């Protein structure tokens, strides 16, 4: 099946696309060594520049390809795993060249079940190389057949080059270090959003298989903006780091604490026996967070709003559980604001 990857380029990239690529390079430089954030940024830019319905960075890990960053419909599947064997992404890693799929319903090289789950019908896939090893792919997704053209191929190749450069600077000569850089938050060292979704998916599947319970906490720091405004972002970063340290201190070894946004964290709680276990863990974190904290001689007030969800009581699907915990967290935060006003 011949697609845009096999077509000759007839025209250079237009100025608007080149300007967007320059903007992407500027944003990447601001992110420093945070490879996970860089991969998310490039996914977003690739999605925009190719008018795709979604984009992902998939890392090759063992026999699997794992969604480690995403935008559009790709972001909804963070942490998804599929076998390299029998997928276009796996074939791209093995072949080391750009591949295209015009119609996933007709292409024998693709994992059709995964394509349907994500909601894609066509795609372009570019290998990501670190040193001399293909370590993953950058992929854009179209909901309709034949969504991409030759210019999109060129854009994707340029974007993959930006990721390759970021990988090199983040983990010079150490391919094994890429996993750590790509899956952990640079500021706190905690698992990032992508690894959180990966761990949550795996824990949820295990809970289903064993007819067990699973808890999730969604946490948002209270009062970070006043700290940034009054003492500067260095104090704000210190507060985030201290919050991460305190959470790690009180959770169990089997739990996963992740930083999933600026001042937002989440915890996966496998092996619980009921809702009271989830409540107790939330209480322990809340109490730990309220302990005094000083930075450069200034007393900073730390607190956190926490929402929770329990599988299967509050839902059986990942999205439903996250939405429930998220909604409860915001309800707690609104309640605190109302108390301060009154």
C-alpha atoms as a PDB file:
ATOM      1  CA  UNK A   1       0.000   0.000   0.000  1.00  0.00           C
ATOM      2  CA  UNK A   2       1.641   3.238  -1.161  1.00  0.00           C
ATOM      3  CA  UNK A   3       1.193   6.286   1.047  1.00  0.00           C
ATOM      4  CA  UNK A   4       2.751   9.661   1.717  1.00  0.00           C
ATOM      5  CA  UNK A   5       5.870   8.102   3.226  1.00  0.00           C
ATOM      6  CA  UNK A   6       6.734   6.657  -0.176  1.00  0.00           C
ATOM      7  CA  UNK A   7       5.813   9.838  -2.108  1.00  0.00           C
ATOM      8  CA  UNK A   8       8.296  12.441  -3.311  1.00  0.00           C
ATOM      9  CA  UNK A   9       8.123  15.881  -1.723  1.00  0.00           C
ATOM     10  CA  UNK A  10       7.066  18.467  -4.303  1.00  0.00           C
ATOM     11  CA  UNK A  11       7.143  21.711  -2.268  1.00  0.00           C
ATOM     12  CA  UNK A  12       9.163  23.097   0.659  1.00  0.00           C
ATOM     13  CA  UNK A  13       7.490  23.695   4.005  1.00  0.00           C
ATOM     14  CA  UNK A  14       5.598  26.962   4.179  1.00  0.00           C
ATOM     15  CA  UNK A  15       6.699  29.795   6.457  1.00  0.00           C
ATOM     16  CA  UNK A  16       3.914  29.248   9.020  1.00  0.00           C
ATOM     17  CA  UNK A  17       5.027  25.652   9.591  1.00  0.00           C
ATOM     18  CA  UNK A  18       8.686  26.673   9.891  1.00  0.00           C
ATOM     19  CA  UNK A  19       7.742  29.378  12.403  1.00  0.00           C
ATOM     20  CA  UNK A  20       5.811  26.850  14.469  1.00  0.00           C
ATOM     21  CA  UNK A  21       8.836  24.548  14.473  1.00  0.00           C
ATOM     22  CA  UNK A  22      11.006  27.404  15.744  1.00  0.00           C
ATOM     23  CA  UNK A  23       8.478  28.107  18.488  1.00  0.00           C
ATOM     24  CA  UNK A  24       8.593  24.418  19.442  1.00  0.00           C
ATOM     25  CA  UNK A  25      12.395  24.570  19.726  1.00  0.00           C
ATOM     26  CA  UNK A  26      12.111  27.603  22.007  1.00  0.00           C
ATOM     27  CA  UNK A  27       9.579  25.861  24.245  1.00  0.00           C
ATOM     28  CA  UNK A  28      11.742  22.742  24.407  1.00  0.00           C
ATOM     29  CA  UNK A  29      14.711  24.772  25.610  1.00  0.00           C
ATOM     30  CA  UNK A  30      12.575  26.114  28.481  1.00  0.00           C
ATOM     31  CA  UNK A  31      11.712  22.571  29.606  1.00  0.00           C
ATOM     32  CA  UNK A  32      15.361  21.664  30.193  1.00  0.00           C
ATOM     33  CA  UNK A  33      15.862  17.984  30.978  1.00  0.00           C
ATOM     34  CA  UNK A  34      12.181  17.134  31.526  1.00  0.00           C
ATOM     35  CA  UNK A  35      11.978  14.575  28.723  1.00  0.00           C
ATOM     36  CA  UNK A  36       8.405  13.564  29.536  1.00  0.00           C
ATOM     37  CA  UNK A  37       7.228  17.161  29.199  1.00  0.00           C
ATOM     38  CA  UNK A  38       9.221  17.576  25.988  1.00  0.00           C
ATOM     39  CA  UNK A  39       7.605  14.493  24.453  1.00  0.00           C
ATOM     40  CA  UNK A  40       4.153  15.796  25.397  1.00  0.00           C
ATOM     41  CA  UNK A  41       4.935  19.187  23.865  1.00  0.00           C
ATOM     42  CA  UNK A  42       6.127  17.630  20.612  1.00  0.00           C
ATOM     43  CA  UNK A  43       3.068  15.380  20.469  1.00  0.00           C
ATOM     44  CA  UNK A  44       0.875  18.472  20.756  1.00  0.00           C
ATOM     45  CA  UNK A  45       2.818  20.364  18.089  1.00  0.00           C
ATOM     46  CA  UNK A  46       2.888  17.395  15.700  1.00  0.00           C
ATOM     47  CA  UNK A  47      -0.867  17.010  16.125  1.00  0.00           C
ATOM     48  CA  UNK A  48      -1.428  20.695  15.333  1.00  0.00           C
ATOM     49  CA  UNK A  49       0.973  20.924  12.388  1.00  0.00           C
ATOM     50  CA  UNK A  50      -0.381  17.839  10.611  1.00  0.00           C
ATOM     51  CA  UNK A  51      -4.036  18.602  11.494  1.00  0.00           C
ATOM     52  CA  UNK A  52      -4.170  15.148  13.054  1.00  0.00           C
ATOM     53  CA  UNK A  53      -6.825  13.918  15.444  1.00  0.00           C
ATOM     54  CA  UNK A  54      -4.102  12.691  17.761  1.00  0.00           C
ATOM     55  CA  UNK A  55      -0.391  12.111  18.204  1.00  0.00           C
ATOM     56  CA  UNK A  56       1.664   9.906  20.514  1.00  0.00           C
ATOM     57  CA  UNK A  57       5.201   9.055  21.468  1.00  0.00           C
ATOM     58  CA  UNK A  58       5.498   5.314  21.966  1.00  0.00           C
ATOM     59  CA  UNK A  59       8.548   3.851  23.681  1.00  0.00           C
ATOM     60  CA  UNK A  60       9.795   0.335  22.932  1.00  0.00           C
ATOM     61  CA  UNK A  61       9.974  -1.478  26.277  1.00  0.00           C
ATOM     62  CA  UNK A  62      10.746  -5.178  26.108  1.00  0.00           C
ATOM     63  CA  UNK A  63       8.254  -6.761  23.724  1.00  0.00           C
ATOM     64  CA  UNK A  64       5.797  -3.878  24.111  1.00  0.00           C
ATOM     65  CA  UNK A  65       5.180  -0.440  22.676  1.00  0.00           C
ATOM     66  CA  UNK A  66       3.921   1.910  25.410  1.00  0.00           C
ATOM     67  CA  UNK A  67       2.124   5.248  24.982  1.00  0.00           C
ATOM     68  CA  UNK A  68       4.367   7.622  26.993  1.00  0.00           C
ATOM     69  CA  UNK A  69       3.104  10.995  25.737  1.00  0.00           C
ATOM     70  CA  UNK A  70       0.135  12.059  23.683  1.00  0.00           C
ATOM     71  CA  UNK A  71      -2.201  14.721  22.357  1.00  0.00           C
ATOM     72  CA  UNK A  72      -5.781  14.614  21.066  1.00  0.00           C
ATOM     73  CA  UNK A  73      -7.162  11.092  20.934  1.00  0.00           C
ATOM     74  CA  UNK A  74      -3.683   9.832  21.820  1.00  0.00           C
ATOM     75  CA  UNK A  75      -3.733  11.548  25.216  1.00  0.00           C
ATOM     76  CA  UNK A  76      -6.801   9.521  26.178  1.00  0.00           C
ATOM     77  CA  UNK A  77      -4.788   6.313  25.910  1.00  0.00           C
ATOM     78  CA  UNK A  78      -1.678   7.213  27.951  1.00  0.00           C
ATOM     79  CA  UNK A  79      -0.056   4.103  29.371  1.00  0.00           C
ATOM     80  CA  UNK A  80      -1.626   1.800  26.787  1.00  0.00           C
ATOM     81  CA  UNK A  81       0.547  -1.170  25.852  1.00  0.00           C
ATOM     82  CA  UNK A  82       0.549  -3.201  22.669  1.00  0.00           C
ATOM     83  CA  UNK A  83       2.908  -5.865  21.401  1.00  0.00           C
ATOM     84  CA  UNK A  84       5.627  -4.767  19.010  1.00  0.00           C
ATOM     85  CA  UNK A  85       4.906  -7.873  16.987  1.00  0.00           C
ATOM     86  CA  UNK A  86       1.841  -7.240  14.862  1.00  0.00           C
ATOM     87  CA  UNK A  87       1.808  -3.435  15.138  1.00  0.00           C
ATOM     88  CA  UNK A  88       2.938  -0.755  12.705  1.00  0.00           C
ATOM     89  CA  UNK A  89       4.839   0.993  15.511  1.00  0.00           C
ATOM     90  CA  UNK A  90       6.798  -2.167  16.296  1.00  0.00           C
ATOM     91  CA  UNK A  91       7.542  -2.676  12.610  1.00  0.00           C
ATOM     92  CA  UNK A  92       8.750   0.933  12.399  1.00  0.00           C
ATOM     93  CA  UNK A  93      11.177   0.362  15.287  1.00  0.00           C
ATOM     94  CA  UNK A  94      12.479  -2.822  13.665  1.00  0.00           C
ATOM     95  CA  UNK A  95      12.771  -1.338  10.160  1.00  0.00           C
ATOM     96  CA  UNK A  96      14.119   2.032  11.284  1.00  0.00           C
ATOM     97  CA  UNK A  97      12.209   3.985   8.642  1.00  0.00           C
ATOM     98  CA  UNK A  98       9.038   6.048   8.386  1.00  0.00           C
ATOM     99  CA  UNK A  99       5.891   4.042   7.670  1.00  0.00           C
ATOM    100  CA  UNK A 100       2.385   5.091   6.743  1.00  0.00           C
ATOM    101  CA  UNK A 101      -1.016   3.478   6.893  1.00  0.00           C
ATOM    102  CA  UNK A 102      -3.707   4.840   4.601  1.00  0.00           C
ATOM    103  CA  UNK A 103      -6.523   2.712   6.032  1.00  0.00           C
ATOM    104  CA  UNK A 104      -6.176   0.595   9.159  1.00  0.00           C
ATOM    105  CA  UNK A 105      -9.179  -1.499   8.166  1.00  0.00           C
ATOM    106  CA  UNK A 106      -7.310  -2.699   5.055  1.00  0.00           C
ATOM    107  CA  UNK A 107      -3.675  -2.745   6.218  1.00  0.00           C
ATOM    108  CA  UNK A 108      -2.471  -6.164   7.410  1.00  0.00           C
ATOM    109  CA  UNK A 109       0.531  -4.660   9.236  1.00  0.00           C
ATOM    110  CA  UNK A 110      -1.477  -2.897  11.941  1.00  0.00           C
ATOM    111  CA  UNK A 111      -3.017  -3.966  15.234  1.00  0.00           C
ATOM    112  CA  UNK A 112      -6.588  -3.376  14.096  1.00  0.00           C
ATOM    113  CA  UNK A 113      -8.142  -3.866  17.537  1.00  0.00           C
ATOM    114  CA  UNK A 114      -5.864  -1.185  19.025  1.00  0.00           C
ATOM    115  CA  UNK A 115      -6.610   1.186  16.124  1.00  0.00           C
ATOM    116  CA  UNK A 116     -10.336   0.841  16.719  1.00  0.00           C
ATOM    117  CA  UNK A 117      -9.920   1.375  20.454  1.00  0.00           C
ATOM    118  CA  UNK A 118      -7.970   4.593  19.919  1.00  0.00           C
ATOM    119  CA  UNK A 119     -10.267   5.757  17.125  1.00  0.00           C
ATOM    120  CA  UNK A 120      -7.719   6.070  14.335  1.00  0.00           C
ATOM    121  CA  UNK A 121      -8.116   5.073  10.704  1.00  0.00           C
ATOM    122  CA  UNK A 122      -4.827   6.300   9.209  1.00  0.00           C
ATOM    123  CA  UNK A 123      -1.382   7.140  10.596  1.00  0.00           C
ATOM    124  CA  UNK A 124       2.197   8.155   9.981  1.00  0.00           C
ATOM    125  CA  UNK A 125       4.914   6.593  12.145  1.00  0.00           C
ATOM    126  CA  UNK A 126       8.510   7.856  12.424  1.00  0.00           C
ATOM    127  CA  UNK A 127      11.263   6.015  14.333  1.00  0.00           C
ATOM    128  CA  UNK A 128      12.970   7.745  17.260  1.00  0.00           C
ATOM    129  CA  UNK A 129      16.677   7.004  17.429  1.00  0.00           C
ATOM    130  CA  UNK A 130      18.921   7.415  20.461  1.00  0.00           C
ATOM    131  CA  UNK A 131      22.604   6.945  19.628  1.00  0.00           C
ATOM    132  CA  UNK A 132      22.358   3.948  17.248  1.00  0.00           C
ATOM    133  CA  UNK A 133      19.200   2.354  18.647  1.00  0.00           C
ATOM    134  CA  UNK A 134      15.569   2.820  17.617  1.00  0.00           C
ATOM    135  CA  UNK A 135      13.915   3.378  20.998  1.00  0.00           C
ATOM    136  CA  UNK A 136      10.372   4.287  19.971  1.00  0.00           C
ATOM    137  CA  UNK A 137       8.210   6.146  17.483  1.00  0.00           C
ATOM    138  CA  UNK A 138       6.429   9.443  16.977  1.00  0.00           C
ATOM    139  CA  UNK A 139       3.015   8.775  15.468  1.00  0.00           C
ATOM    140  CA  UNK A 140       0.219  11.012  14.194  1.00  0.00           C
ATOM    141  CA  UNK A 141      -3.306   9.668  13.876  1.00  0.00           C
ATOM    142  CA  UNK A 142      -6.227  10.470  11.608  1.00  0.00           C
ATOM    143  CA  UNK A 143      -9.826   9.488  12.321  1.00  0.00           C
ATOM    144  CA  UNK A 144     -10.420   9.205   8.570  1.00  0.00           C
ATOM    145  CA  UNK A 145      -8.599   7.175   5.910  1.00  0.00           C
ATOM    146  CA  UNK A 146      -5.770   8.882   3.980  1.00  0.00           C
ATOM    147  CA  UNK A 147      -5.506  11.840   6.384  1.00  0.00           C
ATOM    148  CA  UNK A 148      -1.879  12.754   5.676  1.00  0.00           C
ATOM    149  CA  UNK A 149       0.237  14.033   2.804  1.00  0.00           C
ATOM    150  CA  UNK A 150       3.906  14.383   1.871  1.00  0.00           C
ATOM    151  CA  UNK A 151       4.351  17.635   3.813  1.00  0.00           C
ATOM    152  CA  UNK A 152       3.098  15.896   6.943  1.00  0.00           C
ATOM    153  CA  UNK A 153       5.854  13.318   6.483  1.00  0.00           C
ATOM    154  CA  UNK A 154       8.468  16.066   6.418  1.00  0.00           C
ATOM    155  CA  UNK A 155       6.974  17.778   9.482  1.00  0.00           C
ATOM    156  CA  UNK A 156       6.975  14.514  11.421  1.00  0.00           C
ATOM    157  CA  UNK A 157      10.588  13.796  10.506  1.00  0.00           C
ATOM    158  CA  UNK A 158      11.615  17.250  11.778  1.00  0.00           C
ATOM    159  CA  UNK A 159       9.642  16.803  15.011  1.00  0.00           C
ATOM    160  CA  UNK A 160      11.189  13.388  15.590  1.00  0.00           C
ATOM    161  CA  UNK A 161      14.591  15.057  15.211  1.00  0.00           C
ATOM    162  CA  UNK A 162      13.707  17.443  18.033  1.00  0.00           C
ATOM    163  CA  UNK A 163      12.819  14.505  20.282  1.00  0.00           C
ATOM    164  CA  UNK A 164      16.028  12.679  19.354  1.00  0.00           C
ATOM    165  CA  UNK A 165      18.065  15.760  20.298  1.00  0.00           C
ATOM    166  CA  UNK A 166      16.214  16.063  23.606  1.00  0.00           C
ATOM    167  CA  UNK A 167      16.816  12.377  24.311  1.00  0.00           C
ATOM    168  CA  UNK A 168      20.530  12.784  23.676  1.00  0.00           C
ATOM    169  CA  UNK A 169      20.855  15.768  26.005  1.00  0.00           C
ATOM    170  CA  UNK A 170      18.718  14.125  28.696  1.00  0.00           C
ATOM    171  CA  UNK A 171      20.604  10.813  28.660  1.00  0.00           C
ATOM    172  CA  UNK A 172      23.953  11.122  26.868  1.00  0.00           C
ATOM    173  CA  UNK A 173      25.232   7.736  25.766  1.00  0.00           C
ATOM    174  CA  UNK A 174      22.900   5.962  28.217  1.00  0.00           C
ATOM    175  CA  UNK A 175      19.994   4.335  26.407  1.00  0.00           C
ATOM    176  CA  UNK A 176      18.901   2.641  29.639  1.00  0.00           C
ATOM    177  CA  UNK A 177      18.467   6.062  31.286  1.00  0.00           C
ATOM    178  CA  UNK A 178      15.845   7.095  28.725  1.00  0.00           C
ATOM    179  CA  UNK A 179      13.084   5.174  30.514  1.00  0.00           C
ATOM    180  CA  UNK A 180      13.756   7.079  33.751  1.00  0.00           C
ATOM    181  CA  UNK A 181      13.884  10.430  31.970  1.00  0.00           C
ATOM    182  CA  UNK A 182      10.765   9.754  29.921  1.00  0.00           C
ATOM    183  CA  UNK A 183       8.609   8.463  32.751  1.00  0.00           C
ATOM    184  CA  UNK A 184       9.587  10.584  35.757  1.00  0.00           C
ATOM    185  CA  UNK A 185       9.013  14.206  36.663  1.00  0.00           C
ATOM    186  CA  UNK A 186      12.221  16.240  36.494  1.00  0.00           C
ATOM    187  CA  UNK A 187      11.422  18.433  39.530  1.00  0.00           C
ATOM    188  CA  UNK A 188      10.301  15.806  42.058  1.00  0.00           C
ATOM    189  CA  UNK A 189      11.614  12.517  40.693  1.00  0.00           C
ATOM    190  CA  UNK A 190       8.105  11.064  40.978  1.00  0.00           C
ATOM    191  CA  UNK A 191       6.450   9.075  38.181  1.00  0.00           C
ATOM    192  CA  UNK A 192       4.937  11.468  35.652  1.00  0.00           C
ATOM    193  CA  UNK A 193       1.443  11.500  34.160  1.00  0.00           C
ATOM    194  CA  UNK A 194       2.256   8.872  31.537  1.00  0.00           C
ATOM    195  CA  UNK A 195       3.725   6.400  34.029  1.00  0.00           C
ATOM    196  CA  UNK A 196       0.803   7.020  36.390  1.00  0.00           C
ATOM    197  CA  UNK A 197      -1.648   5.975  33.677  1.00  0.00           C
ATOM    198  CA  UNK A 198       0.504   2.957  32.858  1.00  0.00           C
ATOM    199  CA  UNK A 199       0.621   1.805  36.502  1.00  0.00           C
ATOM    200  CA  UNK A 200      -3.078   2.554  36.972  1.00  0.00           C
ATOM    201  CA  UNK A 201      -4.038   0.513  33.895  1.00  0.00           C
ATOM    202  CA  UNK A 202      -1.945  -2.433  35.036  1.00  0.00           C
ATOM    203  CA  UNK A 203      -3.277  -2.272  38.611  1.00  0.00           C
ATOM    204  CA  UNK A 204      -6.854  -2.028  37.346  1.00  0.00           C
ATOM    205  CA  UNK A 205      -6.415  -5.061  35.105  1.00  0.00           C
ATOM    206  CA  UNK A 206      -4.945  -7.043  38.009  1.00  0.00           C
ATOM    207  CA  UNK A 207      -7.825  -6.016  40.276  1.00  0.00           C
ATOM    208  CA  UNK A 208     -10.303  -7.230  37.642  1.00  0.00           C
ATOM    209  CA  UNK A 209      -8.542 -10.560  37.275  1.00  0.00           C
ATOM    210  CA  UNK A 210      -8.366 -11.126  41.031  1.00  0.00           C
ATOM    211  CA  UNK A 211     -11.793  -9.651  41.855  1.00  0.00           C
ATOM    212  CA  UNK A 212      -9.954  -7.269  44.189  1.00  0.00           C
ATOM    213  CA  UNK A 213     -10.416  -3.639  45.159  1.00  0.00           C
ATOM    214  CA  UNK A 214      -8.306  -0.709  43.994  1.00  0.00           C
ATOM    215  CA  UNK A 215      -8.181   2.856  45.250  1.00  0.00           C
ATOM    216  CA  UNK A 216      -7.108   6.112  43.655  1.00  0.00           C
ATOM    217  CA  UNK A 217      -6.429   9.525  45.165  1.00  0.00           C
ATOM    218  CA  UNK A 218      -6.332  12.792  43.259  1.00  0.00           C
ATOM    219  CA  UNK A 219      -4.546  15.580  45.138  1.00  0.00           C
ATOM    220  CA  UNK A 220      -4.192  19.292  44.419  1.00  0.00           C
ATOM    221  CA  UNK A 221      -1.948  21.555  46.490  1.00  0.00           C
ATOM    222  CA  UNK A 222      -3.666  24.457  48.237  1.00  0.00           C
ATOM    223  CA  UNK A 223      -2.062  27.884  48.305  1.00  0.00           C
ATOM    224  CA  UNK A 224       0.740  27.363  45.787  1.00  0.00           C
ATOM    225  CA  UNK A 225      -0.104  30.544  43.841  1.00  0.00           C
ATOM    226  CA  UNK A 226       0.269  32.805  46.909  1.00  0.00           C
ATOM    227  CA  UNK A 227       3.647  31.190  47.614  1.00  0.00           C
ATOM    228  CA  UNK A 228       4.778  31.875  44.042  1.00  0.00           C
ATOM    229  CA  UNK A 229       3.427  35.424  44.137  1.00  0.00           C
ATOM    230  CA  UNK A 230       4.932  36.334  47.508  1.00  0.00           C
ATOM    231  CA  UNK A 231       8.219  34.428  47.556  1.00  0.00           C
ATOM    232  CA  UNK A 232       8.896  33.581  43.893  1.00  0.00           C
ATOM    233  CA  UNK A 233       8.866  30.412  41.820  1.00  0.00           C
ATOM    234  CA  UNK A 234      11.950  29.027  43.544  1.00  0.00           C
ATOM    235  CA  UNK A 235       9.881  28.829  46.738  1.00  0.00           C
ATOM    236  CA  UNK A 236       6.992  27.343  44.771  1.00  0.00           C
ATOM    237  CA  UNK A 237       9.249  24.633  43.359  1.00  0.00           C
ATOM    238  CA  UNK A 238      10.558  23.906  46.855  1.00  0.00           C
ATOM    239  CA  UNK A 239       6.967  23.556  48.109  1.00  0.00           C
ATOM    240  CA  UNK A 240       6.161  21.086  45.306  1.00  0.00           C
ATOM    241  CA  UNK A 241       9.288  19.081  46.089  1.00  0.00           C
ATOM    242  CA  UNK A 242       8.449  19.034  49.788  1.00  0.00           C
ATOM    243  CA  UNK A 243       4.902  17.877  49.035  1.00  0.00           C
ATOM    244  CA  UNK A 244       6.305  15.009  46.940  1.00  0.00           C
ATOM    245  CA  UNK A 245       8.722  14.027  49.717  1.00  0.00           C
ATOM    246  CA  UNK A 246       5.952  13.977  52.309  1.00  0.00           C
ATOM    247  CA  UNK A 247       3.650  11.878  50.144  1.00  0.00           C
ATOM    248  CA  UNK A 248       6.383   9.336  49.506  1.00  0.00           C
ATOM    249  CA  UNK A 249       7.026   9.179  53.239  1.00  0.00           C
ATOM    250  CA  UNK A 250       3.520   8.080  54.203  1.00  0.00           C
ATOM    251  CA  UNK A 251       2.404   5.774  51.359  1.00  0.00           C
ATOM    252  CA  UNK A 252       3.032   2.043  51.212  1.00  0.00           C
ATOM    253  CA  UNK A 253       5.740   0.484  49.071  1.00  0.00           C
ATOM    254  CA  UNK A 254       3.115  -0.943  46.742  1.00  0.00           C
ATOM    255  CA  UNK A 255       1.487   2.453  46.101  1.00  0.00           C
ATOM    256  CA  UNK A 256       2.372   4.732  43.188  1.00  0.00           C
ATOM    257  CA  UNK A 257       2.639   8.470  43.874  1.00  0.00           C
ATOM    258  CA  UNK A 258       2.830  10.554  40.687  1.00  0.00           C
ATOM    259  CA  UNK A 259       3.012  14.224  39.775  1.00  0.00           C
ATOM    260  CA  UNK A 260       0.465  14.580  36.983  1.00  0.00           C
ATOM    261  CA  UNK A 261       0.394  18.353  36.593  1.00  0.00           C
ATOM    262  CA  UNK A 262       1.808  21.595  37.955  1.00  0.00           C
ATOM    263  CA  UNK A 263       0.536  21.258  41.534  1.00  0.00           C
ATOM    264  CA  UNK A 264      -1.510  18.107  41.034  1.00  0.00           C
ATOM    265  CA  UNK A 265      -0.593  14.625  42.239  1.00  0.00           C
ATOM    266  CA  UNK A 266      -2.238  11.208  42.174  1.00  0.00           C
ATOM    267  CA  UNK A 267      -1.825   7.968  44.084  1.00  0.00           C
ATOM    268  CA  UNK A 268      -2.706   4.428  42.995  1.00  0.00           C
ATOM    269  CA  UNK A 269      -3.608   2.211  45.969  1.00  0.00           C
ATOM    270  CA  UNK A 270      -3.610  -1.512  45.081  1.00  0.00           C
ATOM    271  CA  UNK A 271      -4.419  -4.301  47.516  1.00  0.00           C
ATOM    272  CA  UNK A 272      -6.887  -2.405  49.711  1.00  0.00           C
ATOM    273  CA  UNK A 273      -9.765  -4.050  51.548  1.00  0.00           C
ATOM    274  CA  UNK A 274     -12.343  -1.275  51.384  1.00  0.00           C
ATOM    275  CA  UNK A 275     -13.157   2.397  51.231  1.00  0.00           C
ATOM    276  CA  UNK A 276     -11.926   2.983  54.779  1.00  0.00           C
ATOM    277  CA  UNK A 277      -8.385   2.055  53.675  1.00  0.00           C
ATOM    278  CA  UNK A 278      -8.519   4.774  51.019  1.00  0.00           C
ATOM    279  CA  UNK A 279      -9.866   7.305  53.518  1.00  0.00           C
ATOM    280  CA  UNK A 280      -7.117   6.500  56.044  1.00  0.00           C
ATOM    281  CA  UNK A 281      -4.409   6.969  53.430  1.00  0.00           C
ATOM    282  CA  UNK A 282      -5.923  10.304  52.426  1.00  0.00           C
ATOM    283  CA  UNK A 283      -6.013  11.346  56.084  1.00  0.00           C
ATOM    284  CA  UNK A 284      -2.356  10.396  56.599  1.00  0.00           C
ATOM    285  CA  UNK A 285      -1.276  12.426  53.578  1.00  0.00           C
ATOM    286  CA  UNK A 286      -3.406  15.394  54.670  1.00  0.00           C
ATOM    287  CA  UNK A 287      -1.948  15.368  58.184  1.00  0.00           C
ATOM    288  CA  UNK A 288       1.619  15.050  56.888  1.00  0.00           C
ATOM    289  CA  UNK A 289       1.109  17.898  54.451  1.00  0.00           C
ATOM    290  CA  UNK A 290      -0.009  20.305  57.179  1.00  0.00           C
ATOM    291  CA  UNK A 291       3.216  19.986  59.168  1.00  0.00           C
ATOM    292  CA  UNK A 292       5.360  23.177  59.345  1.00  0.00           C
ATOM    293  CA  UNK A 293       7.673  23.871  56.392  1.00  0.00           C
ATOM    294  CA  UNK A 294      10.333  26.577  56.166  1.00  0.00           C
ATOM    295  CA  UNK A 295      12.128  27.817  53.077  1.00  0.00           C
ATOM    296  CA  UNK A 296      14.930  30.398  53.271  1.00  0.00           C
ATOM    297  CA  UNK A 297      13.792  31.280  56.773  1.00  0.00           C
ATOM    298  CA  UNK A 298      10.175  31.815  55.755  1.00  0.00           C
ATOM    299  CA  UNK A 299       7.327  29.697  57.069  1.00  0.00           C
ATOM    300  CA  UNK A 300       5.279  28.365  54.149  1.00  0.00           C
ATOM    301  CA  UNK A 301       1.830  26.892  54.650  1.00  0.00           C
ATOM    302  CA  UNK A 302       1.311  23.584  52.870  1.00  0.00           C
ATOM    303  CA  UNK A 303      -2.018  21.846  52.469  1.00  0.00           C
ATOM    304  CA  UNK A 304      -3.742  19.646  49.922  1.00  0.00           C
ATOM    305  CA  UNK A 305      -7.272  18.923  48.730  1.00  0.00           C
ATOM    306  CA  UNK A 306      -7.897  15.222  48.152  1.00  0.00           C
ATOM    307  CA  UNK A 307     -10.503  13.322  46.178  1.00  0.00           C
ATOM    308  CA  UNK A 308     -10.838   9.551  46.098  1.00  0.00           C
ATOM    309  CA  UNK A 309     -12.399   6.721  44.143  1.00  0.00           C
ATOM    310  CA  UNK A 310     -12.713   2.993  44.736  1.00  0.00           C
ATOM    311  CA  UNK A 311     -12.869   0.202  42.179  1.00  0.00           C
ATOM    312  CA  UNK A 312     -15.381  -1.307  41.600  1.00  0.00           C
ATOM    313  CA  UNK A 313     -17.704   0.688  43.875  1.00  0.00           C
ATOM    314  CA  UNK A 314     -17.320   3.995  42.029  1.00  0.00           C
ATOM    315  CA  UNK A 315     -16.762   2.642  38.541  1.00  0.00           C
ATOM    316  CA  UNK A 316     -15.122  -0.151  36.598  1.00  0.00           C
ATOM    317  CA  UNK A 317     -13.328   1.872  33.926  1.00  0.00           C
ATOM    318  CA  UNK A 318     -10.213   3.996  34.316  1.00  0.00           C
ATOM    319  CA  UNK A 319     -11.844   7.200  33.076  1.00  0.00           C
ATOM    320  CA  UNK A 320     -14.842   6.891  35.385  1.00  0.00           C
ATOM    321  CA  UNK A 321     -12.628   6.395  38.435  1.00  0.00           C
ATOM    322  CA  UNK A 322     -10.358   9.326  37.593  1.00  0.00           C
ATOM    323  CA  UNK A 323     -13.367  11.571  36.927  1.00  0.00           C
ATOM    324  CA  UNK A 324     -14.906  10.628  40.260  1.00  0.00           C
ATOM    325  CA  UNK A 325     -11.718  11.312  42.227  1.00  0.00           C
ATOM    326  CA  UNK A 326     -11.191  14.554  40.322  1.00  0.00           C
ATOM    327  CA  UNK A 327     -14.741  15.783  40.965  1.00  0.00           C
ATOM    328  CA  UNK A 328     -14.480  15.002  44.672  1.00  0.00           C
ATOM    329  CA  UNK A 329     -11.119  16.782  44.921  1.00  0.00           C
ATOM    330  CA  UNK A 330     -12.589  19.946  43.409  1.00  0.00           C
ATOM    331  CA  UNK A 331     -15.579  19.700  45.744  1.00  0.00           C
ATOM    332  CA  UNK A 332     -13.197  19.605  48.724  1.00  0.00           C
ATOM    333  CA  UNK A 333     -11.296  22.600  47.350  1.00  0.00           C
ATOM    334  CA  UNK A 334     -14.532  24.571  46.872  1.00  0.00           C
ATOM    335  CA  UNK A 335     -15.552  23.742  50.431  1.00  0.00           C
ATOM    336  CA  UNK A 336     -12.274  25.117  51.781  1.00  0.00           C
ATOM    337  CA  UNK A 337     -12.719  28.352  49.827  1.00  0.00           C
ATOM    338  CA  UNK A 338     -16.261  28.731  51.136  1.00  0.00           C
ATOM    339  CA  UNK A 339     -15.029  28.313  54.706  1.00  0.00           C
ATOM    340  CA  UNK A 340     -12.382  31.022  54.217  1.00  0.00           C
ATOM    341  CA  UNK A 341     -14.974  33.428  52.800  1.00  0.00           C
ATOM    342  CA  UNK A 342     -17.401  32.842  55.670  1.00  0.00           C
END
